[in-house]
C-alpha atoms as a PDB file:
ATOM      1  CA  MET A   1       5.416   4.402  60.192  1.00  0.00           C
ATOM      2  CA  LYS A   2       5.570   6.733  57.077  1.00  0.00           C
ATOM      3  CA  THR A   3       6.998  10.219  57.546  1.00  0.00           C
ATOM      4  CA  ASP A   4       4.824  13.145  57.174  1.00  0.00           C
ATOM      5  CA  THR A   5       5.878  15.212  54.147  1.00  0.00           C
ATOM      6  CA  LEU A   6       2.439  16.283  52.973  1.00  0.00           C
ATOM      7  CA  PHE A   7       3.069  20.063  53.175  1.00  0.00           C
ATOM      8  CA  THR A   8       6.503  20.121  51.474  1.00  0.00           C
ATOM      9  CA  LYS A   9       4.487  20.800  48.167  1.00  0.00           C
ATOM     10  CA  PRO A  10       1.997  23.556  47.527  1.00  0.00           C
ATOM     11  CA  ILE A  11      -1.474  22.836  48.857  1.00  0.00           C
ATOM     12  CA  SER A  12      -4.276  22.474  46.331  1.00  0.00           C
ATOM     13  CA  LYS A  13      -7.245  22.115  48.820  1.00  0.00           C
ATOM     14  CA  GLN A  14      -8.272  22.572  52.429  1.00  0.00           C
ATOM     15  CA  PHE A  15      -7.267  19.913  55.030  1.00  0.00           C
ATOM     16  CA  GLU A  16      -9.128  16.745  55.041  1.00  0.00           C
ATOM     17  CA  PHE A  17      -8.566  13.294  56.467  1.00  0.00           C
ATOM     18  CA  ASP A  18      -8.011  11.555  53.250  1.00  0.00           C
ATOM     19  CA  ALA A  19      -5.894   8.673  52.165  1.00  0.00           C
ATOM     20  CA  GLU A  20      -2.745  10.848  52.026  1.00  0.00           C
ATOM     21  CA  VAL A  21      -3.210  12.019  55.570  1.00  0.00           C
ATOM     22  CA  ALA A  22      -4.095   8.629  56.829  1.00  0.00           C
ATOM     23  CA  ALA A  23      -0.957   7.161  55.485  1.00  0.00           C
ATOM     24  CA  VAL A  24       1.287   9.534  57.547  1.00  0.00           C
ATOM     25  CA  PHE A  25      -1.165  10.328  60.452  1.00  0.00           C
ATOM     26  CA  ASP A  26       0.686   8.465  63.320  1.00  0.00           C
ATOM     27  CA  ASP A  27       3.807  10.396  62.434  1.00  0.00           C
ATOM     28  CA  MET A  28       1.800  13.626  62.000  1.00  0.00           C
ATOM     29  CA  LEU A  29       0.454  13.398  65.498  1.00  0.00           C
ATOM     30  CA  LEU A  30       3.768  12.660  67.180  1.00  0.00           C
ATOM     31  CA  ARG A  31       5.504  15.487  65.461  1.00  0.00           C
ATOM     32  CA  SER A  32       2.527  18.051  65.479  1.00  0.00           C
ATOM     33  CA  VAL A  33       1.015  17.625  68.843  1.00  0.00           C
ATOM     34  CA  PRO A  34       3.334  18.517  71.790  1.00  0.00           C
ATOM     35  CA  PHE A  35       3.534  15.784  74.502  1.00  0.00           C
ATOM     36  CA  TYR A  36       1.043  13.614  72.519  1.00  0.00           C
ATOM     37  CA  LYS A  37       2.162  10.340  74.120  1.00  0.00           C
ATOM     38  CA  GLU A  38       2.012  11.820  77.612  1.00  0.00           C
ATOM     39  CA  SER A  39      -1.583  13.189  77.093  1.00  0.00           C
ATOM     40  CA  GLN A  40      -2.654   9.857  75.803  1.00  0.00           C
ATOM     41  CA  VAL A  41      -1.036   8.014  78.775  1.00  0.00           C
ATOM     42  CA  LEU A  42      -3.240  10.273  80.985  1.00  0.00           C
ATOM     43  CA  THR A  43      -6.341   9.657  78.929  1.00  0.00           C
ATOM     44  CA  ARG A  44      -5.748   5.905  79.050  1.00  0.00           C
ATOM     45  CA  ARG A  45      -5.195   5.956  82.834  1.00  0.00           C
ATOM     46  CA  PHE A  46      -8.495   7.928  83.555  1.00  0.00           C
ATOM     47  CA  ALA A  47     -10.314   5.765  81.177  1.00  0.00           C
ATOM     48  CA  LEU A  48      -9.184   2.575  83.023  1.00  0.00           C
ATOM     49  CA  ASN A  49     -10.150   4.191  86.229  1.00  0.00           C
ATOM     50  CA  ALA A  50     -13.662   4.648  84.939  1.00  0.00           C
ATOM     51  CA  LEU A  51     -13.765   1.050  83.665  1.00  0.00           C
ATOM     52  CA  SER A  52     -13.147  -0.684  86.864  1.00  0.00           C
ATOM     53  CA  GLY A  53     -16.622  -2.209  86.559  1.00  0.00           C
ATOM     54  CA  GLY A  54     -16.462  -2.619  82.782  1.00  0.00           C
ATOM     55  CA  GLY A  55     -18.639  -0.864  80.197  1.00  0.00           C
ATOM     56  CA  ASN A  56     -18.662   0.581  76.680  1.00  0.00           C
ATOM     57  CA  VAL A  57     -15.882   2.811  75.417  1.00  0.00           C
ATOM     58  CA  TYR A  58     -16.436   4.998  72.392  1.00  0.00           C
ATOM     59  CA  ASP A  59     -13.526   6.864  70.577  1.00  0.00           C
ATOM     60  CA  LEU A  60     -15.083   9.633  68.427  1.00  0.00           C
ATOM     61  CA  GLY A  61     -12.738  10.373  65.607  1.00  0.00           C
ATOM     62  CA  CYS A  62     -10.548   7.259  66.417  1.00  0.00           C
ATOM     63  CA  SER A  63      -8.323   7.674  63.337  1.00  0.00           C
ATOM     64  CA  THR A  64      -5.956   4.679  63.212  1.00  0.00           C
ATOM     65  CA  ALA A  65      -7.203   3.175  66.653  1.00  0.00           C
ATOM     66  CA  SER A  66      -3.828   3.579  68.503  1.00  0.00           C
ATOM     67  CA  LEU A  67      -5.398   4.722  71.753  1.00  0.00           C
ATOM     68  CA  LEU A  68      -8.123   1.895  71.745  1.00  0.00           C
ATOM     69  CA  LEU A  69      -5.338  -0.594  71.271  1.00  0.00           C
ATOM     70  CA  GLU A  70      -3.538   0.878  74.191  1.00  0.00           C
ATOM     71  CA  ILE A  71      -6.677   0.638  76.414  1.00  0.00           C
ATOM     72  CA  GLU A  72      -7.313  -2.832  75.230  1.00  0.00           C
ATOM     73  CA  ARG A  73      -3.743  -3.944  76.240  1.00  0.00           C
ATOM     74  CA  ALA A  74      -4.075  -2.414  79.739  1.00  0.00           C
ATOM     75  CA  VAL A  75      -7.733  -3.121  80.697  1.00  0.00           C
ATOM     76  CA  ASP A  76      -8.567  -5.544  83.489  1.00  0.00           C
ATOM     77  CA  LYS A  77      -9.354  -8.833  81.696  1.00  0.00           C
ATOM     78  CA  SER A  78     -11.784  -9.838  84.520  1.00  0.00           C
ATOM     79  CA  VAL A  79     -14.275  -7.105  83.538  1.00  0.00           C
ATOM     80  CA  GLU A  80     -16.333  -6.900  80.356  1.00  0.00           C
ATOM     81  CA  VAL A  81     -15.228  -3.905  78.200  1.00  0.00           C
ATOM     82  CA  ARG A  82     -16.385  -3.215  74.728  1.00  0.00           C
ATOM     83  CA  LEU A  83     -14.124  -0.858  72.671  1.00  0.00           C
ATOM     84  CA  ILE A  84     -15.758   0.942  69.764  1.00  0.00           C
ATOM     85  CA  GLY A  85     -14.063   3.432  67.277  1.00  0.00           C
ATOM     86  CA  ILE A  86     -15.894   5.741  64.923  1.00  0.00           C
ATOM     87  CA  ASP A  87     -14.356   7.861  62.252  1.00  0.00           C
ATOM     88  CA  ASN A  88     -15.920   9.437  59.137  1.00  0.00           C
ATOM     89  CA  SER A  89     -12.828   8.888  57.097  1.00  0.00           C
ATOM     90  CA  ALA A  90     -12.754   5.671  55.186  1.00  0.00           C
ATOM     91  CA  ALA A  91      -8.998   5.904  54.813  1.00  0.00           C
ATOM     92  CA  MET A  92      -8.622   6.201  58.580  1.00  0.00           C
ATOM     93  CA  ILE A  93     -10.863   3.264  59.207  1.00  0.00           C
ATOM     94  CA  GLN A  94      -8.978   1.083  56.669  1.00  0.00           C
ATOM     95  CA  HIS A  95      -5.640   1.848  58.391  1.00  0.00           C
ATOM     96  CA  ALA A  96      -7.219   1.088  61.855  1.00  0.00           C
ATOM     97  CA  HIS A  97      -8.537  -2.283  60.522  1.00  0.00           C
ATOM     98  CA  LYS A  98      -5.067  -3.171  59.427  1.00  0.00           C
ATOM     99  CA  LYS A  99      -3.774  -2.487  62.934  1.00  0.00           C
ATOM    100  CA  ILE A 100      -6.485  -4.406  64.815  1.00  0.00           C
ATOM    101  CA  GLU A 101      -6.138  -7.391  62.468  1.00  0.00           C
ATOM    102  CA  ALA A 102      -2.381  -7.429  62.953  1.00  0.00           C
ATOM    103  CA  TYR A 103      -2.874  -7.409  66.807  1.00  0.00           C
ATOM    104  CA  GLY A 104      -5.767  -9.810  66.874  1.00  0.00           C
ATOM    105  CA  SER A 105      -7.820  -7.189  68.526  1.00  0.00           C
ATOM    106  CA  SER A 106     -11.629  -7.315  69.213  1.00  0.00           C
ATOM    107  CA  ILE A 107     -11.985  -3.488  68.694  1.00  0.00           C
ATOM    108  CA  GLU A 108     -15.193  -2.623  66.687  1.00  0.00           C
ATOM    109  CA  LEU A 109     -14.704   0.048  64.016  1.00  0.00           C
ATOM    110  CA  PHE A 110     -17.399   2.059  62.268  1.00  0.00           C
ATOM    111  CA  GLU A 111     -17.150   4.561  59.409  1.00  0.00           C
ATOM    112  CA  GLY A 112     -19.794   7.111  60.352  1.00  0.00           C
ATOM    113  CA  ASP A 113     -20.757  10.572  61.541  1.00  0.00           C
ATOM    114  CA  ILE A 114     -20.268  10.999  65.315  1.00  0.00           C
ATOM    115  CA  LEU A 115     -23.181  13.553  65.202  1.00  0.00           C
ATOM    116  CA  GLN A 116     -25.655  10.868  64.080  1.00  0.00           C
ATOM    117  CA  PHE A 117     -24.136   7.582  65.410  1.00  0.00           C
ATOM    118  CA  PRO A 118     -26.624   5.398  67.539  1.00  0.00           C
ATOM    119  CA  TYR A 119     -24.676   5.291  70.696  1.00  0.00           C
ATOM    120  CA  GLU A 120     -25.370   2.636  73.346  1.00  0.00           C
ATOM    121  CA  LYS A 121     -24.929   3.421  76.996  1.00  0.00           C
ATOM    122  CA  ALA A 122     -21.229   3.932  77.724  1.00  0.00           C
ATOM    123  CA  GLN A 123     -18.908   4.343  80.656  1.00  0.00           C
ATOM    124  CA  VAL A 124     -16.259   6.315  78.748  1.00  0.00           C
ATOM    125  CA  MET A 125     -16.390   8.528  75.715  1.00  0.00           C
ATOM    126  CA  ILE A 126     -13.147   9.938  74.120  1.00  0.00           C
ATOM    127  CA  SER A 127     -12.501  12.486  71.608  1.00  0.00           C
ATOM    128  CA  ASN A 128      -8.860  13.524  70.691  1.00  0.00           C
ATOM    129  CA  TYR A 129      -8.610  16.670  68.720  1.00  0.00           C
ATOM    130  CA  THR A 130     -12.001  15.983  67.011  1.00  0.00           C
ATOM    131  CA  LEU A 131     -14.372  18.557  68.577  1.00  0.00           C
ATOM    132  CA  GLN A 132     -12.233  21.375  66.970  1.00  0.00           C
ATOM    133  CA  PHE A 133     -13.296  20.188  63.569  1.00  0.00           C
ATOM    134  CA  ILE A 134     -17.075  20.215  64.373  1.00  0.00           C
ATOM    135  CA  ARG A 135     -18.732  23.370  63.345  1.00  0.00           C
ATOM    136  CA  PRO A 136     -19.246  25.464  66.457  1.00  0.00           C
ATOM    137  CA  MET A 137     -23.095  25.656  65.854  1.00  0.00           C
ATOM    138  CA  LEU A 138     -23.104  21.801  66.212  1.00  0.00           C
ATOM    139  CA  ARG A 139     -20.677  21.354  69.093  1.00  0.00           C
ATOM    140  CA  ASP A 140     -23.112  21.860  71.903  1.00  0.00           C
ATOM    141  CA  THR A 141     -25.509  19.302  70.372  1.00  0.00           C
ATOM    142  CA  LEU A 142     -22.704  16.780  70.146  1.00  0.00           C
ATOM    143  CA  ILE A 143     -21.536  17.500  73.781  1.00  0.00           C
ATOM    144  CA  ARG A 144     -25.182  16.915  74.907  1.00  0.00           C
ATOM    145  CA  THR A 145     -25.348  13.648  72.921  1.00  0.00           C
ATOM    146  CA  ILE A 146     -22.223  12.406  74.466  1.00  0.00           C
ATOM    147  CA  CYS A 147     -23.405  13.269  78.000  1.00  0.00           C
ATOM    148  CA  ASP A 148     -26.723  11.601  77.324  1.00  0.00           C
ATOM    149  CA  ALA A 149     -24.943   8.373  76.188  1.00  0.00           C
ATOM    150  CA  LEU A 150     -22.874   8.052  79.298  1.00  0.00           C
ATOM    151  CA  ASN A 151     -23.910   6.291  82.477  1.00  0.00           C
ATOM    152  CA  ASP A 152     -24.092   8.419  85.592  1.00  0.00           C
ATOM    153  CA  GLY A 153     -20.483   8.769  86.793  1.00  0.00           C
ATOM    154  CA  GLY A 154     -19.176   8.096  83.288  1.00  0.00           C
ATOM    155  CA  VAL A 155     -16.402  10.118  81.890  1.00  0.00           C
ATOM    156  CA  PHE A 156     -15.574  12.117  78.749  1.00  0.00           C
ATOM    157  CA  LEU A 157     -11.908  12.590  77.967  1.00  0.00           C
ATOM    158  CA  PHE A 158     -11.106  15.065  75.293  1.00  0.00           C
ATOM    159  CA  SER A 159      -8.039  16.873  73.928  1.00  0.00           C
ATOM    160  CA  GLU A 160      -8.198  20.147  71.902  1.00  0.00           C
ATOM    161  CA  LYS A 161      -6.067  22.787  70.525  1.00  0.00           C
ATOM    162  CA  VAL A 162      -7.023  25.994  72.489  1.00  0.00           C
ATOM    163  CA  VAL A 163      -6.758  29.703  72.043  1.00  0.00           C
ATOM    164  CA  SER A 164      -6.056  32.383  74.578  1.00  0.00           C
ATOM    165  CA  GLU A 165      -8.511  35.172  75.460  1.00  0.00           C
ATOM    166  CA  ASP A 166      -5.620  37.547  75.351  1.00  0.00           C
ATOM    167  CA  PRO A 167      -4.433  38.406  71.734  1.00  0.00           C
ATOM    168  CA  LYS A 168      -0.842  39.063  72.563  1.00  0.00           C
ATOM    169  CA  LEU A 169      -0.542  35.871  74.626  1.00  0.00           C
ATOM    170  CA  ASN A 170      -2.370  33.927  71.936  1.00  0.00           C
ATOM    171  CA  LYS A 171       0.366  35.025  69.411  1.00  0.00           C
ATOM    172  CA  GLU A 172       3.114  34.093  71.882  1.00  0.00           C
ATOM    173  CA  LEU A 173       1.506  30.610  72.259  1.00  0.00           C
ATOM    174  CA  ILE A 174       1.291  30.096  68.570  1.00  0.00           C
ATOM    175  CA  ASP A 175       4.941  31.155  68.073  1.00  0.00           C
ATOM    176  CA  CYS A 176       5.955  28.677  70.864  1.00  0.00           C
ATOM    177  CA  TYR A 177       4.034  25.963  69.034  1.00  0.00           C
ATOM    178  CA  TYR A 178       5.669  26.833  65.680  1.00  0.00           C
ATOM    179  CA  ASP A 179       9.092  26.628  67.336  1.00  0.00           C
ATOM    180  CA  PHE A 180       8.103  23.125  68.609  1.00  0.00           C
ATOM    181  CA  LYS A 181       7.263  22.088  65.072  1.00  0.00           C
ATOM    182  CA  LYS A 182      10.555  23.282  63.753  1.00  0.00           C
ATOM    183  CA  VAL A 183      12.351  21.236  66.289  1.00  0.00           C
ATOM    184  CA  GLN A 184      10.409  18.227  65.095  1.00  0.00           C
ATOM    185  CA  GLY A 185      11.895  18.813  61.588  1.00  0.00           C
ATOM    186  CA  TYR A 186       9.171  20.708  59.921  1.00  0.00           C
ATOM    187  CA  SER A 187      10.154  23.642  57.679  1.00  0.00           C
ATOM    188  CA  GLU A 188       8.796  27.101  57.818  1.00  0.00           C
ATOM    189  CA  TYR A 189       7.166  26.415  54.373  1.00  0.00           C
ATOM    190  CA  GLU A 190       5.525  23.232  55.725  1.00  0.00           C
ATOM    191  CA  ILE A 191       4.159  25.035  58.791  1.00  0.00           C
ATOM    192  CA  VAL A 192       2.692  27.843  56.647  1.00  0.00           C
ATOM    193  CA  GLN A 193       1.156  25.409  54.177  1.00  0.00           C
ATOM    194  CA  LYS A 194      -0.559  23.483  56.887  1.00  0.00           C
ATOM    195  CA  ARG A 195      -1.765  26.484  58.686  1.00  0.00           C
ATOM    196  CA  GLU A 196      -3.423  27.775  55.516  1.00  0.00           C
ATOM    197  CA  ALA A 197      -4.851  24.215  54.771  1.00  0.00           C
ATOM    198  CA  LEU A 198      -6.495  24.291  58.258  1.00  0.00           C
ATOM    199  CA  GLU A 199      -7.887  27.810  58.007  1.00  0.00           C
ATOM    200  CA  ASN A 200     -11.635  27.800  58.744  1.00  0.00           C
ATOM    201  CA  VAL A 201     -11.472  23.819  59.032  1.00  0.00           C
ATOM    202  CA  LEU A 202      -9.976  23.786  62.495  1.00  0.00           C
ATOM    203  CA  ILE A 203     -11.907  26.104  64.926  1.00  0.00           C
ATOM    204  CA  PRO A 204     -10.515  26.031  68.452  1.00  0.00           C
ATOM    205  CA  TYR A 205     -12.221  27.319  71.665  1.00  0.00           C
ATOM    206  CA  THR A 206     -10.533  28.769  74.708  1.00  0.00           C
ATOM    207  CA  MET A 207      -9.922  26.538  77.580  1.00  0.00           C
ATOM    208  CA  ASN A 208     -12.797  28.134  79.604  1.00  0.00           C
ATOM    209  CA  GLU A 209     -15.169  27.793  76.676  1.00  0.00           C
ATOM    210  CA  ASN A 210     -14.593  24.037  76.513  1.00  0.00           C
ATOM    211  CA  ILE A 211     -15.252  23.686  80.340  1.00  0.00           C
ATOM    212  CA  VAL A 212     -18.334  25.861  80.038  1.00  0.00           C
ATOM    213  CA  MET A 213     -19.564  23.895  77.125  1.00  0.00           C
ATOM    214  CA  ALA A 214     -19.250  20.640  78.980  1.00  0.00           C
ATOM    215  CA  LYS A 215     -20.969  21.967  82.055  1.00  0.00           C
ATOM    216  CA  ASN A 216     -23.834  23.554  80.081  1.00  0.00           C
ATOM    217  CA  ASN A 217     -24.598  20.415  78.463  1.00  0.00           C
ATOM    218  CA  GLY A 218     -25.032  17.948  81.380  1.00  0.00           C
ATOM    219  CA  PHE A 219     -21.591  17.350  82.914  1.00  0.00           C
ATOM    220  CA  LYS A 220     -21.236  18.063  86.630  1.00  0.00           C
ATOM    221  CA  THR A 221     -17.513  18.492  86.401  1.00  0.00           C
ATOM    222  CA  CYS A 222     -14.850  19.494  83.810  1.00  0.00           C
ATOM    223  CA  GLU A 223     -11.265  20.092  84.494  1.00  0.00           C
ATOM    224  CA  VAL A 224      -7.952  20.306  82.709  1.00  0.00           C
ATOM    225  CA  LEU A 225      -5.701  17.195  83.099  1.00  0.00           C
ATOM    226  CA  PHE A 226      -2.888  18.450  81.081  1.00  0.00           C
ATOM    227  CA  ARG A 227      -1.929  21.622  79.213  1.00  0.00           C
ATOM    228  CA  TRP A 228       1.069  22.700  77.103  1.00  0.00           C
ATOM    229  CA  ALA A 229       0.967  26.170  75.639  1.00  0.00           C
ATOM    230  CA  ASN A 230      -2.093  25.920  73.191  1.00  0.00           C
ATOM    231  CA  PHE A 231      -2.891  22.160  73.696  1.00  0.00           C
ATOM    232  CA  ALA A 232      -5.085  20.864  76.576  1.00  0.00           C
ATOM    233  CA  THR A 233      -6.563  17.515  77.756  1.00  0.00           C
ATOM    234  CA  PHE A 234      -9.781  17.686  79.588  1.00  0.00           C
ATOM    235  CA  ILE A 235     -11.954  15.279  81.793  1.00  0.00           C
ATOM    236  CA  ALA A 236     -15.688  15.837  82.074  1.00  0.00           C
ATOM    237  CA  ILE A 237     -17.652  13.635  84.612  1.00  0.00           C
ATOM    238  CA  LYS A 238     -21.371  13.046  84.353  1.00  0.00           C
END
């Protein structure tokens, strides 16, 4: 796994999931997202609960397919489960293909737009730190599409960076997060560089805005499974 040193040099463009990012993405996630492994364990657990009778699983913005591989290893082999990863980054899909080939996996990968993808009926939909990169004017449409694609009782598991409704608390949450990144070995310069690269690219909602969005677009339940400062994992049930 290559170490993330992308922001040790001056940025020349806004953040995008290109070949440079894809090459270090697994390290970037572990060092940039607090309790990333723990939130993924929760996501896998609740996905497996929903898959007791089999069904389709979609990972929207699957990046290098790590989570799908974890689900594939743990799923009950007596039930029929189809695992599908979608990402609009060719570089991410290329890295994901290398992984699934190395593990002899049957995961299906598609380079495509999650807003336009022709989904089949699914039991589980997953979106890890992906909604925040979808323009707010399109986010409700995507959530409605996800809900429509799910079977009754199906689940949508998603993780997002969140903001606080209170400006003072929001600053404290951000400071807490930056301290976390420093402990992971990122310099002040790298942190500032990445923040500037993500400006107007990553647009987070509050925790409540995410819950209301899910409920307004067809989900009967939406709750927080895990939260650390300004990072949260949600479950929405159709």
